[in-house]
Amino acid sequence: MLTARTKKLTLGAASLALVASMILTGCAAASEGAATETTAATTTSTAASTATSTYSSDSADATTTSATISDVSAAAAAFLATLSDEQRDAVLYAYDDETKTTSWSNFPVTFVERAGLNLNDLTDEQRAAAMAVLEALLSDEAYETVAGIIGGDEYLLENSSSTETSLGQYYIAFFGDPTNDDAFEVQFGGHHLGINATLQVTDNAITFAPTHLGVQPAVYTDAEGNEVQPFDGIYTDAFAFFDSLSAEQQATLTSGDVSMCAPGDTCDFSAGDGLTGADLTDEQRELLLGLIANWAGMADEETTADALAEIEATLDDTVIAWSGETEYDTSTGDGISFSISGPNVYIAFQAQQGSAGADVDGVSTSGWGHVHTIYRDPSNDYAGSVSQQAASGMSGGPGGSSEGGFPGEEFPDGAAPGGGEMPPSGAPTNEGTTTTDDTTTEDNTTAE
């Protein structure tokens, strides 16, 4: 069975330093001109060195659930030790605090307030220690994806037409005490990232449901001149599955109903029509599980195997639907959307048909190059500790926008991305999103 560690990568402390520097550079570029940028360059270098020395490479070698939990707990303790009492109070929440369901989103942090501490408000030492928690939690492959997502923010901040000030802002919060409690959650994210990892010490289990991974742009060049394509692995796995299907299976797959159960939605997870796991050969089932592992298998080998075993047990009742392109060629068409909906897994992958004002000449920032994805577990979101609360972390913008990205300009109070007015606090809006064939309709949940 495929796992998240099938492709062993040489990231380690170097990637940690890279992400720390990207966050710092983003903060500097969003602020005050050339003099600030010079100062920021020095600060970035310091953060990179601190990150490298703070992180223990042993964490990257964890292959069991218990080892990952131990590593994350130790990294969290080291991070908490760097904080003031006030900062500790801000980053720690009760395990069953329902804030965990309303404080992550695929909207920018200027529209949906995140829980915990903004990494841009931390010292170099504190920021490096915070990133060490993420490094201890994630597999090398998952960490590379996250680093690519964060780097995309940095690229857009420096090169696009967007004036969104939240680019490069990422938050960390703990629900439960990671040093003492029987269960705790690590929440980490910003605009195109919302990781909710629940670690159950007593039950020796980890779940990432629910989590949001997004990307914009599809491909970019980083400060060192390297080409970065954060979702290449996901696209490769998706088309490996698609290409394994017969013409008849593909016809069934593409005639189905692609859905979106976004952050803030209290979904019923209706599967709709499409291809089912029962329709697949053993090889095709393995390819599908390999695709699912990009979300369900973000930690160590044992955790990934356990998650995929639960999903595989009900795979016959899992429905897969697809719309959009049928070849992996980002130079043509508008990208793909698909959903995987079953008793133990829900994944939505949707191309956003708009750049949200983050245009860069010659770079794809729409369709292939602007994707929002959601991973949820209908049977075990947040490890069953809370129920999803309706919030403003919806896929489409309030006021009827079909674009879930950040706005291309600063909006006045009450204005919504894509036009229209933000509903008053607590006002109900439409709920749920459905895409059938190549037509996407994005609706909203309750706004804060």
Protein backbone atom coordinates (compact mmCIF):
# COMPACT_ATOMS: atom_id res chain seq x y z
CA MET A 1 0.00 0.00 0.00
CA LEU A 2 1.22 3.49 -0.83
CA THR A 3 2.18 5.79 2.02
CA ALA A 4 3.12 9.42 2.37
CA ARG A 5 6.73 8.37 2.85
CA THR A 6 6.95 6.31 -0.35
CA LYS A 7 8.98 9.13 -1.90
CA LYS A 8 11.69 9.90 0.64
CA LEU A 9 12.89 13.47 0.24
CA THR A 10 15.99 15.23 1.49
CA LEU A 11 14.35 18.26 3.07
CA GLY A 12 15.04 18.30 6.80
CA ALA A 13 16.37 21.46 8.36
CA ALA A 14 17.05 23.09 5.01
CA SER A 15 13.32 23.16 4.18
CA LEU A 16 12.52 24.41 7.64
CA ALA A 17 14.94 27.27 7.13
CA LEU A 18 13.43 27.97 3.72
CA VAL A 19 9.90 28.25 5.08
CA ALA A 20 11.03 30.42 7.98
CA SER A 21 12.75 32.76 5.55
CA MET A 22 9.72 32.91 3.26
CA ILE A 23 7.43 33.91 6.11
CA LEU A 24 9.84 36.59 7.25
CA THR A 25 10.43 37.89 3.73
CA GLY A 26 6.68 38.09 3.18
CA CYS A 27 6.28 40.14 6.32
CA ALA A 28 9.04 42.51 5.26
CA ALA A 29 7.84 42.92 1.70
CA ALA A 30 4.38 43.78 2.90
CA SER A 31 5.63 46.55 5.11
CA GLU A 32 7.96 49.39 4.50
CA GLY A 33 10.15 49.80 1.44
CA ALA A 34 13.83 49.31 0.74
CA ALA A 35 15.23 50.12 4.18
CA THR A 36 12.89 47.59 5.79
CA GLU A 37 13.73 44.98 3.16
CA THR A 38 17.45 45.33 3.96
CA THR A 39 16.76 44.78 7.64
CA ALA A 40 14.47 41.88 6.82
CA ALA A 41 17.19 40.15 4.79
CA THR A 42 19.44 40.08 7.85
CA THR A 43 16.56 38.92 10.06
CA THR A 44 15.70 36.19 7.58
CA SER A 45 19.24 34.85 7.61
CA THR A 46 19.19 34.74 11.39
CA ALA A 47 15.86 32.90 11.40
CA ALA A 48 17.17 30.36 8.92
CA SER A 49 20.20 29.63 11.08
CA THR A 50 18.04 29.40 14.19
CA ALA A 51 15.64 27.05 12.46
CA THR A 52 18.44 24.76 11.39
CA SER A 53 19.92 24.56 14.87
CA THR A 54 16.59 24.26 16.68
CA TYR A 55 15.15 21.35 14.72
CA SER A 56 16.26 17.83 15.57
CA SER A 57 16.59 15.75 12.42
CA ASP A 58 15.44 12.69 14.38
CA SER A 59 11.86 14.00 14.07
CA ALA A 60 11.95 13.60 10.30
CA ASP A 61 12.73 9.90 10.72
CA ALA A 62 9.59 9.02 12.69
CA THR A 63 7.75 6.10 11.08
CA THR A 64 5.26 5.25 13.85
CA THR A 65 2.31 7.14 15.26
CA SER A 66 3.71 7.11 18.79
CA ALA A 67 7.05 8.48 17.60
CA THR A 68 5.35 11.31 15.71
CA ILE A 69 3.21 12.21 18.72
CA SER A 70 6.29 12.18 20.95
CA ASP A 71 8.25 14.34 18.50
CA VAL A 72 5.43 16.85 18.10
CA SER A 73 4.91 17.06 21.86
CA ALA A 74 8.62 17.68 22.41
CA ALA A 75 8.75 20.31 19.66
CA ALA A 76 5.63 21.99 21.06
CA ALA A 77 7.15 22.07 24.55
CA ALA A 78 10.28 23.70 23.12
CA PHE A 79 8.15 26.27 21.29
CA LEU A 80 6.01 27.05 24.35
CA ALA A 81 9.16 27.53 26.42
CA THR A 82 10.13 30.45 24.15
CA LEU A 83 6.85 32.31 24.75
CA SER A 84 5.80 34.87 27.32
CA ASP A 85 2.84 34.10 29.61
CA GLU A 86 0.66 36.32 27.44
CA GLN A 87 1.71 34.51 24.28
CA ARG A 88 1.10 31.11 25.88
CA ASP A 89 -2.41 32.20 26.79
CA ALA A 90 -2.98 33.28 23.19
CA VAL A 91 -1.75 30.04 21.61
CA LEU A 92 -3.37 27.50 23.98
CA TYR A 93 -7.10 26.66 23.84
CA ALA A 94 -9.19 24.00 25.55
CA TYR A 95 -9.22 20.77 23.55
CA ASP A 96 -12.99 20.92 22.98
CA ASP A 97 -13.12 24.66 22.25
CA GLU A 98 -15.38 25.05 19.22
CA THR A 99 -13.17 27.90 18.01
CA LYS A 100 -11.17 25.19 16.24
CA THR A 101 -14.04 24.82 13.73
CA THR A 102 -14.36 28.53 12.88
CA SER A 103 -10.70 29.62 12.88
CA TRP A 104 -9.49 27.97 9.67
CA SER A 105 -10.54 28.87 6.18
CA ASN A 106 -9.69 29.16 2.50
CA PHE A 107 -10.27 32.90 2.85
CA PRO A 108 -7.44 35.31 3.70
CA VAL A 109 -6.79 36.10 7.36
CA THR A 110 -8.18 39.58 6.71
CA PHE A 111 -11.61 38.00 6.19
CA VAL A 112 -11.58 35.08 8.62
CA GLU A 113 -9.71 35.54 11.90
CA ARG A 114 -7.32 32.71 12.74
CA ALA A 115 -6.68 31.34 16.21
CA GLY A 116 -3.37 31.51 18.03
CA LEU A 117 -0.23 33.48 17.21
CA ASN A 118 0.76 35.13 13.94
CA LEU A 119 4.26 33.90 13.10
CA ASN A 120 5.11 37.36 11.80
CA ASP A 121 4.67 38.69 15.35
CA LEU A 122 7.23 36.26 16.80
CA THR A 123 10.97 36.56 17.29
CA ASP A 124 13.34 34.58 15.08
CA GLU A 125 13.80 31.98 17.81
CA GLN A 126 10.07 31.64 18.42
CA ARG A 127 9.26 31.41 14.72
CA ALA A 128 11.86 28.71 14.14
CA ALA A 129 10.52 26.75 17.13
CA ALA A 130 6.97 27.03 15.76
CA MET A 131 8.06 25.70 12.38
CA ALA A 132 9.85 22.83 14.12
CA VAL A 133 6.43 21.68 15.39
CA LEU A 134 5.19 21.47 11.81
CA GLU A 135 8.35 19.67 10.70
CA ALA A 136 7.95 17.08 13.47
CA LEU A 137 4.31 16.52 12.51
CA LEU A 138 4.56 16.12 8.74
CA SER A 139 6.19 13.59 6.47
CA ASP A 140 8.93 14.93 4.22
CA GLU A 141 6.62 14.87 1.21
CA ALA A 142 3.81 16.68 3.03
CA TYR A 143 6.26 19.24 4.38
CA GLU A 144 7.53 19.92 0.86
CA THR A 145 3.95 20.52 -0.30
CA VAL A 146 3.32 22.91 2.59
CA ALA A 147 6.60 24.74 1.92
CA GLY A 148 5.55 25.11 -1.72
CA ILE A 149 2.17 26.53 -0.72
CA ILE A 150 3.77 29.07 1.58
CA GLY A 151 6.33 29.93 -1.09
CA GLY A 152 3.48 30.63 -3.52
CA ASP A 153 2.20 33.29 -1.14
CA GLU A 154 5.65 34.86 -1.07
CA TYR A 155 5.87 34.78 -4.86
CA LEU A 156 2.47 36.46 -5.27
CA LEU A 157 3.33 39.08 -2.67
CA GLU A 158 6.46 40.07 -4.56
CA ASN A 159 5.31 39.64 -8.17
CA SER A 160 1.52 39.88 -8.51
CA SER A 161 -0.89 42.78 -8.76
CA SER A 162 -2.58 41.79 -5.50
CA THR A 163 -2.66 44.29 -2.64
CA GLU A 164 -3.89 41.70 -0.15
CA THR A 165 -1.88 42.36 3.01
CA SER A 166 -2.47 38.90 4.48
CA LEU A 167 -0.06 37.20 2.07
CA GLY A 168 2.68 35.51 4.07
CA GLN A 169 0.74 35.54 7.34
CA TYR A 170 0.49 32.15 9.06
CA TYR A 171 -0.85 31.27 12.48
CA ILE A 172 -0.26 28.45 14.95
CA ALA A 173 -2.57 27.33 17.76
CA PHE A 174 -2.90 24.34 20.07
CA PHE A 175 -6.23 22.95 21.24
CA GLY A 176 -5.34 21.05 24.39
CA ASP A 177 -1.94 21.13 26.06
CA PRO A 178 0.50 19.23 23.82
CA THR A 179 2.81 18.62 26.77
CA ASN A 180 0.30 17.14 29.22
CA ASP A 181 -3.09 16.26 27.73
CA ASP A 182 -4.30 12.91 26.45
CA ALA A 183 -5.26 14.56 23.15
CA PHE A 184 -4.39 17.81 21.45
CA GLU A 185 -4.72 19.48 18.07
CA VAL A 186 -2.16 21.44 16.11
CA GLN A 187 -3.79 24.09 13.94
CA PHE A 188 -1.55 25.84 11.43
CA GLY A 189 -2.42 27.91 8.41
CA GLY A 190 -3.15 31.04 6.47
CA HIS A 191 -4.96 31.64 3.18
CA HIS A 192 -4.17 28.56 1.09
CA LEU A 193 -3.40 26.33 4.04
CA GLY A 194 -5.41 25.12 7.01
CA ILE A 195 -3.93 22.12 8.82
CA ASN A 196 -5.95 20.60 11.66
CA ALA A 197 -4.01 17.66 13.05
CA THR A 198 -5.52 15.92 16.06
CA LEU A 199 -3.05 13.77 18.01
CA GLN A 200 -4.61 11.31 20.46
CA VAL A 201 -1.95 10.21 22.93
CA THR A 202 -4.05 7.63 24.76
CA ASP A 203 -5.51 6.11 21.58
CA ASN A 204 -2.21 6.39 19.67
CA ALA A 205 -3.90 7.96 16.66
CA ILE A 206 -3.50 11.02 14.42
CA THR A 207 -6.04 12.48 12.02
CA PHE A 208 -5.77 15.46 9.67
CA ALA A 209 -9.51 15.77 9.15
CA PRO A 210 -10.44 18.45 8.38
CA THR A 211 -7.62 20.14 6.46
CA HIS A 212 -7.39 22.64 3.60
CA LEU A 213 -4.58 22.58 1.05
CA GLY A 214 -4.59 25.15 -1.74
CA VAL A 215 -2.22 26.45 -4.35
CA GLN A 216 -1.68 29.65 -6.31
CA PRO A 217 0.17 29.79 -8.67
CA ALA A 218 0.65 26.35 -10.22
CA VAL A 219 4.33 26.93 -10.94
CA TYR A 220 6.69 29.66 -9.82
CA THR A 221 10.39 30.39 -9.51
CA ASP A 222 11.72 30.89 -5.99
CA ALA A 223 14.39 33.35 -4.85
CA GLU A 224 17.14 30.81 -5.58
CA GLY A 225 15.93 30.33 -9.17
CA ASN A 226 14.37 26.91 -8.55
CA GLU A 227 11.10 26.00 -10.25
CA VAL A 228 8.48 25.06 -7.66
CA GLN A 229 5.25 23.20 -8.48
CA PRO A 230 3.54 22.51 -5.12
CA PHE A 231 0.71 20.31 -6.44
CA ASP A 232 2.67 18.35 -9.03
CA GLY A 233 2.53 15.22 -6.86
CA ILE A 234 -1.22 15.54 -6.37
CA TYR A 235 -1.84 16.16 -10.06
CA THR A 236 0.42 13.21 -10.96
CA ASP A 237 -1.47 10.89 -8.60
CA ALA A 238 -4.85 12.15 -9.83
CA PHE A 239 -4.04 11.53 -13.48
CA ALA A 240 -2.41 8.18 -12.73
CA PHE A 241 -5.78 7.12 -11.35
CA PHE A 242 -7.74 8.71 -14.21
CA ASP A 243 -5.51 7.17 -16.89
CA SER A 244 -5.87 3.71 -15.33
CA LEU A 245 -9.61 3.74 -16.04
CA SER A 246 -11.28 2.26 -19.09
CA ALA A 247 -13.23 4.53 -21.44
CA GLU A 248 -16.46 3.28 -19.90
CA GLN A 249 -15.21 3.97 -16.37
CA GLN A 250 -14.04 7.45 -17.37
CA ALA A 251 -17.47 8.19 -18.84
CA THR A 252 -19.11 7.21 -15.55
CA LEU A 253 -16.57 9.23 -13.57
CA THR A 254 -17.08 12.41 -15.58
CA SER A 255 -20.88 12.14 -15.60
CA GLY A 256 -20.98 12.29 -11.81
CA ASP A 257 -21.55 15.12 -9.35
CA VAL A 258 -18.44 16.89 -8.09
CA SER A 259 -19.19 18.48 -4.72
CA MET A 260 -17.51 20.85 -2.28
CA CYS A 261 -17.94 20.72 1.48
CA ALA A 262 -15.98 23.82 2.41
CA PRO A 263 -14.61 25.13 5.71
CA GLY A 264 -17.55 26.27 7.77
CA ASP A 265 -20.03 23.90 6.12
CA THR A 266 -21.93 21.45 8.34
CA CYS A 267 -22.22 19.10 5.37
CA ASP A 268 -24.39 16.07 4.87
CA PHE A 269 -21.62 14.61 2.66
CA SER A 270 -24.04 13.38 0.02
CA ALA A 271 -22.05 11.46 -2.58
CA GLY A 272 -24.19 11.96 -5.70
CA ASP A 273 -23.49 10.04 -8.87
CA GLY A 274 -20.13 8.89 -10.17
CA LEU A 275 -17.75 5.97 -10.19
CA THR A 276 -17.69 3.85 -7.01
CA GLY A 277 -14.88 1.95 -5.39
CA ALA A 278 -16.78 -1.22 -6.17
CA ASP A 279 -16.31 -0.46 -9.88
CA LEU A 280 -12.50 -0.50 -9.61
CA THR A 281 -9.88 -3.18 -10.08
CA ASP A 282 -7.39 -3.87 -7.30
CA GLU A 283 -4.75 -1.80 -9.10
CA GLN A 284 -7.15 1.10 -9.56
CA ARG A 285 -8.13 0.97 -5.89
CA GLU A 286 -4.46 1.23 -4.91
CA LEU A 287 -4.02 4.24 -7.19
CA LEU A 288 -7.08 5.89 -5.65
CA LEU A 289 -5.74 5.26 -2.15
CA GLY A 290 -2.40 6.73 -3.25
CA LEU A 291 -4.24 9.88 -4.31
CA ILE A 292 -6.16 10.04 -1.02
CA ALA A 293 -2.88 9.69 0.90
CA ASN A 294 -1.93 13.23 -0.17
CA TRP A 295 -4.42 14.39 2.48
CA ALA A 296 -5.04 11.47 4.82
CA GLY A 297 -1.39 10.41 4.90
CA MET A 298 0.47 13.57 5.82
CA ALA A 299 2.30 12.09 8.81
CA ASP A 300 4.27 8.87 9.34
CA GLU A 301 3.95 5.43 7.75
CA GLU A 302 1.90 3.82 10.53
CA THR A 303 -0.56 6.72 10.76
CA THR A 304 -0.97 6.71 6.99
CA ALA A 305 -1.50 2.95 6.84
CA ASP A 306 -4.14 3.11 9.60
CA ALA A 307 -6.01 5.96 7.90
CA LEU A 308 -5.98 4.28 4.49
CA ALA A 309 -7.08 0.94 5.98
CA GLU A 310 -10.20 2.59 7.42
CA ILE A 311 -10.93 4.28 4.10
CA GLU A 312 -10.30 1.08 2.15
CA ALA A 313 -12.78 -0.82 4.34
CA THR A 314 -15.64 1.29 2.93
CA LEU A 315 -14.17 2.01 -0.50
CA ASP A 316 -16.95 0.08 -2.26
CA ASP A 317 -19.38 2.71 -0.98
CA THR A 318 -17.13 5.65 -1.89
CA VAL A 319 -18.09 7.74 -4.94
CA ILE A 320 -15.57 9.52 -7.17
CA ALA A 321 -16.60 12.25 -9.63
CA TRP A 322 -14.48 14.34 -12.00
CA SER A 323 -14.92 17.37 -14.23
CA GLY A 324 -12.62 19.38 -16.46
CA GLU A 325 -9.52 18.29 -18.35
CA THR A 326 -8.58 14.68 -19.05
CA GLU A 327 -4.84 15.22 -19.59
CA TYR A 328 -2.25 16.68 -17.25
CA ASP A 329 -1.25 19.69 -19.31
CA THR A 330 -1.34 22.98 -17.40
CA SER A 331 -0.77 24.97 -20.60
CA THR A 332 -4.29 24.34 -21.86
CA GLY A 333 -7.81 24.35 -20.46
CA ASP A 334 -9.14 25.42 -17.09
CA GLY A 335 -7.88 22.64 -14.84
CA ILE A 336 -9.75 19.87 -13.08
CA SER A 337 -12.16 19.39 -10.23
CA PHE A 338 -12.96 16.12 -8.48
CA SER A 339 -14.51 14.82 -5.30
CA ILE A 340 -14.11 11.57 -3.38
CA SER A 341 -17.01 10.98 -1.01
CA GLY A 342 -17.45 7.96 1.23
CA PRO A 343 -18.27 6.91 4.81
CA ASN A 344 -14.68 7.49 5.98
CA VAL A 345 -13.32 10.09 3.58
CA TYR A 346 -14.35 13.28 1.85
CA ILE A 347 -11.97 15.10 -0.49
CA ALA A 348 -12.88 17.99 -2.75
CA PHE A 349 -10.40 19.35 -5.29
CA GLN A 350 -11.65 22.39 -7.17
CA ALA A 351 -9.99 24.66 -9.70
CA GLN A 352 -10.88 28.28 -9.00
CA GLN A 353 -11.85 30.05 -12.22
CA GLY A 354 -10.30 33.38 -11.35
CA SER A 355 -7.01 34.86 -10.20
CA ALA A 356 -8.57 36.92 -7.37
CA GLY A 357 -6.47 39.88 -8.46
CA ALA A 358 -3.19 37.99 -8.10
CA ASP A 359 -2.16 38.26 -11.73
CA VAL A 360 1.41 37.65 -12.87
CA ASP A 361 2.38 37.88 -16.53
CA GLY A 362 3.03 34.45 -18.01
CA VAL A 363 2.09 32.59 -14.80
CA SER A 364 -1.06 30.53 -14.27
CA THR A 365 -2.98 32.01 -11.33
CA SER A 366 -6.40 30.68 -12.31
CA GLY A 367 -7.76 27.23 -13.12
CA TRP A 368 -4.77 24.90 -13.05
CA GLY A 369 -2.92 27.56 -11.10
CA HIS A 370 -5.51 28.32 -8.41
CA VAL A 371 -6.88 25.31 -6.56
CA HIS A 372 -8.70 24.85 -3.26
CA THR A 373 -8.96 21.40 -1.69
CA ILE A 374 -10.71 20.13 1.42
CA TYR A 375 -10.15 16.88 3.29
CA ARG A 376 -12.74 15.78 5.83
CA ASP A 377 -13.80 12.58 7.55
CA PRO A 378 -17.60 12.29 7.86
CA SER A 379 -17.14 9.85 10.73
CA ASN A 380 -14.29 11.57 12.58
CA ASP A 381 -13.76 15.30 11.91
CA TYR A 382 -11.64 16.80 14.72
CA ALA A 383 -11.40 13.23 16.09
CA GLY A 384 -14.99 13.65 17.23
CA SER A 385 -14.04 16.27 19.83
CA VAL A 386 -16.39 18.97 18.49
CA SER A 387 -19.05 19.40 15.82
CA GLN A 388 -18.39 21.63 12.83
CA GLN A 389 -19.87 25.07 13.38
CA ALA A 390 -21.10 27.15 10.45
CA ALA A 391 -18.71 30.04 9.90
CA SER A 392 -17.44 32.48 7.29
CA GLY A 393 -14.78 30.10 6.00
CA MET A 394 -16.79 29.22 2.93
CA SER A 395 -15.58 28.35 -0.54
CA GLY A 396 -17.33 31.12 -2.43
CA GLY A 397 -17.13 34.73 -1.30
CA PRO A 398 -20.07 36.34 0.48
CA GLY A 399 -22.31 38.37 -1.74
CA GLY A 400 -22.46 35.76 -4.48
CA SER A 401 -18.81 35.52 -5.46
CA SER A 402 -17.78 32.23 -7.04
CA GLU A 403 -14.16 33.01 -6.25
CA GLY A 404 -12.77 31.67 -3.03
CA GLY A 405 -9.45 33.47 -3.24
CA PHE A 406 -8.21 36.72 -1.81
CA PRO A 407 -9.35 40.04 -3.27
CA GLY A 408 -7.14 41.98 -5.63
CA GLU A 409 -7.60 45.19 -3.68
CA GLU A 410 -8.39 46.37 -0.20
CA PHE A 411 -12.11 46.21 0.46
CA PRO A 412 -13.92 48.67 2.76
CA ASP A 413 -15.64 47.36 5.85
CA GLY A 414 -18.59 45.22 4.87
CA ALA A 415 -17.39 44.61 1.33
CA ALA A 416 -16.99 41.09 0.03
CA PRO A 417 -14.43 39.66 -2.35
CA GLY A 418 -15.92 39.48 -5.80
CA GLY A 419 -18.43 42.22 -5.08
CA GLY A 420 -21.50 42.44 -2.89
CA GLU A 421 -21.84 43.11 0.80
CA MET A 422 -20.85 40.87 3.67
CA PRO A 423 -23.96 39.54 5.42
CA PRO A 424 -24.52 40.84 8.95
CA SER A 425 -23.02 38.79 11.75
CA GLY A 426 -24.76 35.44 12.05
CA ALA A 427 -26.88 35.94 8.95
CA PRO A 428 -27.69 32.67 7.18
CA THR A 429 -26.66 32.23 3.57
CA ASN A 430 -26.90 29.29 1.21
CA GLU A 431 -25.03 26.17 2.18
CA GLY A 432 -23.09 23.66 0.12
CA THR A 433 -21.40 23.58 -3.26
CA THR A 434 -22.04 21.32 -6.19
CA THR A 435 -20.24 21.01 -9.48
CA THR A 436 -21.86 18.88 -12.16
CA ASP A 437 -19.82 18.07 -15.24
CA ASP A 438 -18.03 21.33 -16.13
CA THR A 439 -20.36 23.77 -14.34
CA THR A 440 -19.43 25.03 -10.90
CA THR A 441 -21.81 26.67 -8.46
CA GLU A 442 -20.30 27.86 -5.20
CA ASP A 443 -22.56 28.82 -2.34
CA ASN A 444 -21.90 30.00 1.16
CA THR A 445 -22.50 29.13 4.77
CA THR A 446 -23.15 31.36 7.73
CA ALA A 447 -21.02 34.49 7.96
CA GLU A 448 -19.49 35.64 11.19
